[in-house]
Amino acid sequence: MTSISERSARKFVDKMIEGNKLLVFAIPYCPYTKRAMEIFKKHKIERLVEEVFIHDRKDMVEVQAYFVELTGAKSVPRIFLDGEFLGGCEELEDMDGEGRLEDLLREKKLIK
């Protein structure tokens, strides 16, 4: 049985994922979050990224617990594209380095 705060955290996360094409759950002082945003900036799409900070949420622990269910990890950034989990910073760096990120962004019509 889930608590009210767990249900609230799940609802918040699900709503954010459903409502945003490119979503980054983040903590502002996290170096990995900053690196992920630099990658998006390099592709000139940072203005299309919805960056959601979770550090000041009362249910941050529950939000991160739900991240584990959804993605296998509670760390940030947790990056979603069109409702699908893309990865964290390391996965984003790998995709970028291999050229797969640019292909995906083009496929999703975020870049030309």
N, C-alpha and C. Protein backbone atom coordinates (compact mmCIF):
# COMPACT_ATOMS: atom_id res chain seq x y z
N MET A 1 0.85 -1.19 0.00
CA MET A 1 0.00 0.00 0.00
C MET A 1 0.89 1.25 0.00
N THR A 2 0.54 2.19 -0.84
CA THR A 2 1.35 3.40 -0.94
C THR A 2 0.79 4.51 -0.06
N SER A 3 1.69 5.34 0.43
CA SER A 3 1.28 6.47 1.27
C SER A 3 0.79 7.61 0.39
N ILE A 4 0.20 8.60 1.03
CA ILE A 4 -0.27 9.78 0.30
C ILE A 4 0.90 10.48 -0.39
N SER A 5 2.03 10.60 0.30
CA SER A 5 3.17 11.28 -0.31
C SER A 5 3.73 10.48 -1.49
N GLU A 6 3.69 9.15 -1.41
CA GLU A 6 4.14 8.32 -2.54
C GLU A 6 3.21 8.50 -3.74
N ARG A 7 1.91 8.50 -3.49
CA ARG A 7 0.95 8.70 -4.58
C ARG A 7 1.11 10.08 -5.19
N SER A 8 1.31 11.07 -4.34
CA SER A 8 1.51 12.45 -4.81
C SER A 8 2.77 12.55 -5.67
N ALA A 9 3.85 11.91 -5.23
CA ALA A 9 5.11 11.93 -5.98
C ALA A 9 4.93 11.26 -7.34
N ARG A 10 4.26 10.13 -7.37
CA ARG A 10 4.02 9.41 -8.62
C ARG A 10 3.19 10.26 -9.58
N LYS A 11 2.16 10.88 -9.04
CA LYS A 11 1.28 11.71 -9.86
C LYS A 11 2.07 12.89 -10.45
N PHE A 12 2.88 13.53 -9.62
CA PHE A 12 3.70 14.65 -10.07
C PHE A 12 4.64 14.22 -11.20
N VAL A 13 5.37 13.13 -10.99
CA VAL A 13 6.35 12.66 -11.99
C VAL A 13 5.63 12.28 -13.28
N ASP A 14 4.57 11.50 -13.16
CA ASP A 14 3.83 11.07 -14.36
C ASP A 14 3.28 12.25 -15.14
N LYS A 15 2.74 13.22 -14.42
CA LYS A 15 2.17 14.41 -15.08
C LYS A 15 3.26 15.19 -15.81
N MET A 16 4.42 15.34 -15.19
CA MET A 16 5.51 16.06 -15.83
C MET A 16 6.00 15.31 -17.08
N ILE A 17 6.12 14.00 -16.99
CA ILE A 17 6.58 13.21 -18.13
C ILE A 17 5.58 13.31 -19.29
N GLU A 18 4.31 13.19 -18.97
CA GLU A 18 3.26 13.24 -20.00
C GLU A 18 3.14 14.62 -20.63
N GLY A 19 3.40 15.66 -19.86
CA GLY A 19 3.15 17.02 -20.32
C GLY A 19 4.30 17.74 -20.99
N ASN A 20 5.44 17.06 -21.14
CA ASN A 20 6.62 17.73 -21.70
C ASN A 20 7.33 16.84 -22.71
N LYS A 21 7.66 17.42 -23.84
CA LYS A 21 8.35 16.66 -24.90
C LYS A 21 9.74 16.24 -24.45
N LEU A 22 10.51 17.18 -23.90
CA LEU A 22 11.87 16.91 -23.45
C LEU A 22 11.98 17.41 -22.01
N LEU A 23 12.11 16.46 -21.09
CA LEU A 23 12.04 16.76 -19.67
C LEU A 23 13.30 16.29 -18.96
N VAL A 24 13.82 17.15 -18.08
CA VAL A 24 14.98 16.79 -17.27
C VAL A 24 14.61 17.03 -15.81
N PHE A 25 14.53 15.96 -15.03
CA PHE A 25 14.40 16.10 -13.59
C PHE A 25 15.80 16.37 -13.08
N ALA A 26 15.95 17.40 -12.24
CA ALA A 26 17.28 17.89 -11.94
C ALA A 26 17.40 18.42 -10.51
N ILE A 27 18.63 18.65 -10.14
CA ILE A 27 19.00 19.40 -8.94
C ILE A 27 19.98 20.46 -9.43
N PRO A 28 19.75 21.75 -9.11
CA PRO A 28 20.52 22.83 -9.74
C PRO A 28 22.02 22.78 -9.52
N TYR A 29 22.48 22.27 -8.41
CA TYR A 29 23.91 22.28 -8.11
C TYR A 29 24.61 20.98 -8.53
N CYS A 30 23.88 20.09 -9.19
CA CYS A 30 24.44 18.80 -9.60
C CYS A 30 25.30 18.97 -10.85
N PRO A 31 26.57 18.55 -10.82
CA PRO A 31 27.43 18.70 -11.99
C PRO A 31 26.96 17.87 -13.19
N TYR A 32 26.30 16.75 -12.94
CA TYR A 32 25.80 15.92 -14.04
C TYR A 32 24.61 16.58 -14.74
N THR A 33 23.78 17.23 -13.95
CA THR A 33 22.67 17.99 -14.53
C THR A 33 23.23 19.11 -15.39
N LYS A 34 24.22 19.82 -14.87
CA LYS A 34 24.82 20.92 -15.63
C LYS A 34 25.43 20.41 -16.94
N ARG A 35 26.08 19.26 -16.88
CA ARG A 35 26.69 18.69 -18.09
C ARG A 35 25.61 18.31 -19.11
N ALA A 36 24.53 17.71 -18.65
CA ALA A 36 23.45 17.34 -19.56
C ALA A 36 22.88 18.59 -20.23
N MET A 37 22.69 19.65 -19.47
CA MET A 37 22.15 20.89 -20.04
C MET A 37 23.14 21.50 -21.03
N GLU A 38 24.44 21.34 -20.79
CA GLU A 38 25.45 21.82 -21.75
C GLU A 38 25.34 21.07 -23.08
N ILE A 39 25.05 19.79 -23.00
CA ILE A 39 24.88 19.00 -24.23
C ILE A 39 23.67 19.50 -25.01
N PHE A 40 22.57 19.77 -24.32
CA PHE A 40 21.39 20.30 -25.00
C PHE A 40 21.69 21.68 -25.59
N LYS A 41 22.47 22.48 -24.85
CA LYS A 41 22.85 23.81 -25.34
C LYS A 41 23.70 23.70 -26.60
N LYS A 42 24.58 22.73 -26.64
CA LYS A 42 25.43 22.49 -27.81
C LYS A 42 24.57 22.23 -29.05
N HIS A 43 23.45 21.55 -28.84
CA HIS A 43 22.53 21.25 -29.95
C HIS A 43 21.49 22.36 -30.16
N LYS A 44 21.66 23.44 -29.39
CA LYS A 44 20.80 24.62 -29.49
C LYS A 44 19.32 24.30 -29.23
N ILE A 45 19.08 23.43 -28.26
CA ILE A 45 17.69 23.10 -27.91
C ILE A 45 17.40 23.33 -26.43
N GLU A 46 18.31 24.01 -25.73
CA GLU A 46 18.11 24.20 -24.29
C GLU A 46 16.79 24.89 -23.97
N ARG A 47 16.30 25.73 -24.89
CA ARG A 47 15.04 26.43 -24.65
C ARG A 47 13.84 25.47 -24.74
N LEU A 48 14.05 24.30 -25.35
CA LEU A 48 12.98 23.30 -25.49
C LEU A 48 12.93 22.33 -24.31
N VAL A 49 13.96 22.39 -23.46
CA VAL A 49 14.06 21.48 -22.33
C VAL A 49 13.26 22.03 -21.15
N GLU A 50 12.38 21.21 -20.61
CA GLU A 50 11.69 21.57 -19.37
C GLU A 50 12.54 20.98 -18.25
N GLU A 51 13.19 21.85 -17.51
CA GLU A 51 14.05 21.43 -16.41
C GLU A 51 13.25 21.56 -15.12
N VAL A 52 13.05 20.45 -14.43
CA VAL A 52 12.25 20.42 -13.21
C VAL A 52 13.15 20.09 -12.04
N PHE A 53 13.28 21.05 -11.12
CA PHE A 53 14.13 20.85 -9.95
C PHE A 53 13.35 20.15 -8.85
N ILE A 54 13.95 19.12 -8.29
CA ILE A 54 13.26 18.35 -7.25
C ILE A 54 13.85 18.56 -5.86
N HIS A 55 14.94 19.30 -5.74
CA HIS A 55 15.67 19.41 -4.48
C HIS A 55 14.89 20.05 -3.35
N ASP A 56 13.92 20.88 -3.67
CA ASP A 56 13.18 21.57 -2.61
C ASP A 56 11.78 21.01 -2.40
N ARG A 57 11.50 19.86 -2.99
CA ARG A 57 10.20 19.22 -2.80
C ARG A 57 10.19 18.44 -1.49
N LYS A 58 9.10 18.54 -0.74
CA LYS A 58 8.98 17.79 0.51
C LYS A 58 8.98 16.29 0.26
N ASP A 59 8.54 15.91 -0.94
CA ASP A 59 8.47 14.48 -1.28
C ASP A 59 9.62 14.04 -2.19
N MET A 60 10.75 14.72 -2.09
CA MET A 60 11.89 14.40 -2.95
C MET A 60 12.30 12.93 -2.81
N VAL A 61 12.31 12.41 -1.60
CA VAL A 61 12.70 11.01 -1.38
C VAL A 61 11.74 10.08 -2.11
N GLU A 62 10.45 10.38 -2.06
CA GLU A 62 9.45 9.56 -2.75
C GLU A 62 9.57 9.70 -4.27
N VAL A 63 9.87 10.92 -4.73
CA VAL A 63 10.08 11.15 -6.16
C VAL A 63 11.26 10.29 -6.63
N GLN A 64 12.35 10.32 -5.89
CA GLN A 64 13.52 9.54 -6.28
C GLN A 64 13.25 8.04 -6.18
N ALA A 65 12.46 7.62 -5.22
CA ALA A 65 12.09 6.20 -5.13
C ALA A 65 11.29 5.79 -6.36
N TYR A 66 10.44 6.66 -6.84
CA TYR A 66 9.68 6.37 -8.05
C TYR A 66 10.59 6.36 -9.28
N PHE A 67 11.60 7.21 -9.28
CA PHE A 67 12.59 7.17 -10.37
C PHE A 67 13.21 5.77 -10.46
N VAL A 68 13.51 5.17 -9.31
CA VAL A 68 14.10 3.83 -9.30
C VAL A 68 13.17 2.85 -9.99
N GLU A 69 11.88 2.93 -9.68
CA GLU A 69 10.90 2.06 -10.34
C GLU A 69 10.87 2.28 -11.84
N LEU A 70 10.87 3.54 -12.24
CA LEU A 70 10.73 3.88 -13.66
C LEU A 70 12.01 3.67 -14.46
N THR A 71 13.15 3.97 -13.85
CA THR A 71 14.39 4.06 -14.63
C THR A 71 15.53 3.20 -14.11
N GLY A 72 15.39 2.65 -12.91
CA GLY A 72 16.46 1.85 -12.35
C GLY A 72 17.46 2.62 -11.51
N ALA A 73 17.28 3.93 -11.40
CA ALA A 73 18.20 4.75 -10.60
C ALA A 73 17.46 5.97 -10.04
N LYS A 74 17.96 6.48 -8.92
CA LYS A 74 17.33 7.66 -8.33
C LYS A 74 18.11 8.94 -8.58
N SER A 75 19.27 8.80 -9.19
CA SER A 75 20.13 9.97 -9.41
C SER A 75 19.54 10.91 -10.45
N VAL A 76 20.05 12.13 -10.45
CA VAL A 76 19.69 13.10 -11.46
C VAL A 76 20.93 13.39 -12.30
N PRO A 77 20.71 13.79 -13.53
CA PRO A 77 19.42 14.04 -14.15
C PRO A 77 18.75 12.74 -14.58
N ARG A 78 17.44 12.77 -14.63
CA ARG A 78 16.61 11.73 -15.23
C ARG A 78 15.98 12.40 -16.44
N ILE A 79 16.29 11.94 -17.62
CA ILE A 79 15.91 12.63 -18.86
C ILE A 79 14.87 11.80 -19.61
N PHE A 80 13.77 12.46 -19.99
CA PHE A 80 12.68 11.81 -20.73
C PHE A 80 12.42 12.57 -22.02
N LEU A 81 12.20 11.82 -23.08
CA LEU A 81 11.89 12.39 -24.39
C LEU A 81 10.64 11.70 -24.91
N ASP A 82 9.61 12.49 -25.18
CA ASP A 82 8.32 11.96 -25.64
C ASP A 82 7.79 10.86 -24.72
N GLY A 83 7.95 11.07 -23.42
CA GLY A 83 7.41 10.14 -22.45
C GLY A 83 8.25 8.91 -22.19
N GLU A 84 9.36 8.77 -22.92
CA GLU A 84 10.24 7.61 -22.77
C GLU A 84 11.51 8.03 -22.04
N PHE A 85 11.98 7.16 -21.17
CA PHE A 85 13.21 7.44 -20.45
C PHE A 85 14.40 7.35 -21.40
N LEU A 86 15.15 8.44 -21.48
CA LEU A 86 16.32 8.51 -22.35
C LEU A 86 17.58 8.08 -21.62
N GLY A 87 17.68 8.43 -20.35
CA GLY A 87 18.85 8.07 -19.56
C GLY A 87 19.22 9.18 -18.60
N GLY A 88 20.42 9.06 -18.08
CA GLY A 88 21.00 10.10 -17.24
C GLY A 88 22.09 10.81 -18.03
N CYS A 89 22.96 11.48 -17.35
CA CYS A 89 24.03 12.23 -18.01
C CYS A 89 24.96 11.31 -18.79
N GLU A 90 25.35 10.20 -18.20
CA GLU A 90 26.29 9.30 -18.87
C GLU A 90 25.71 8.76 -20.18
N GLU A 91 24.46 8.36 -20.16
CA GLU A 91 23.82 7.86 -21.38
C GLU A 91 23.72 8.96 -22.43
N LEU A 92 23.39 10.16 -21.97
CA LEU A 92 23.30 11.30 -22.89
C LEU A 92 24.65 11.59 -23.53
N GLU A 93 25.71 11.56 -22.71
CA GLU A 93 27.07 11.78 -23.24
C GLU A 93 27.44 10.70 -24.26
N ASP A 94 27.11 9.46 -23.95
CA ASP A 94 27.41 8.36 -24.89
C ASP A 94 26.66 8.56 -26.20
N MET A 95 25.38 8.86 -26.11
CA MET A 95 24.57 9.07 -27.32
C MET A 95 25.13 10.23 -28.14
N ASP A 96 25.51 11.30 -27.45
CA ASP A 96 26.05 12.47 -28.14
C ASP A 96 27.37 12.13 -28.82
N GLY A 97 28.25 11.45 -28.11
CA GLY A 97 29.55 11.10 -28.66
C GLY A 97 29.47 10.17 -29.86
N GLU A 98 28.43 9.33 -29.90
CA GLU A 98 28.26 8.38 -31.00
C GLU A 98 27.41 8.95 -32.14
N GLY A 99 26.89 10.17 -31.95
CA GLY A 99 26.04 10.78 -32.99
C GLY A 99 24.59 10.35 -32.93
N ARG A 100 24.26 9.45 -32.01
CA ARG A 100 22.88 8.98 -31.91
C ARG A 100 21.93 10.03 -31.36
N LEU A 101 22.44 10.93 -30.52
CA LEU A 101 21.58 11.97 -29.95
C LEU A 101 21.10 12.90 -31.05
N GLU A 102 22.00 13.35 -31.89
CA GLU A 102 21.61 14.24 -32.98
C GLU A 102 20.57 13.57 -33.88
N ASP A 103 20.78 12.30 -34.20
CA ASP A 103 19.81 11.57 -35.02
C ASP A 103 18.45 11.51 -34.34
N LEU A 104 18.44 11.24 -33.05
CA LEU A 104 17.19 11.15 -32.31
C LEU A 104 16.49 12.51 -32.24
N LEU A 105 17.25 13.56 -31.99
CA LEU A 105 16.67 14.91 -31.93
C LEU A 105 16.09 15.31 -33.28
N ARG A 106 16.75 14.90 -34.34
CA ARG A 106 16.24 15.17 -35.69
C ARG A 106 14.95 14.36 -35.93
N GLU A 107 14.97 13.10 -35.55
CA GLU A 107 13.80 12.23 -35.72
C GLU A 107 12.59 12.80 -34.96
N LYS A 108 12.84 13.35 -33.79
CA LYS A 108 11.76 13.90 -32.95
C LYS A 108 11.42 15.34 -33.34
N LYS A 109 12.08 15.83 -34.41
CA LYS A 109 11.84 17.17 -34.94
C LYS A 109 12.18 18.30 -33.96
N LEU A 110 13.21 18.05 -33.14
CA LEU A 110 13.69 19.09 -32.24
C LEU A 110 14.80 19.91 -32.89
N ILE A 111 15.45 19.31 -33.88
CA ILE A 111 16.44 20.03 -34.69
C ILE A 111 16.20 19.66 -36.15
N LYS A 112 16.75 20.49 -37.04
CA LYS A 112 16.60 20.20 -38.48
C LYS A 112 17.80 19.49 -39.03
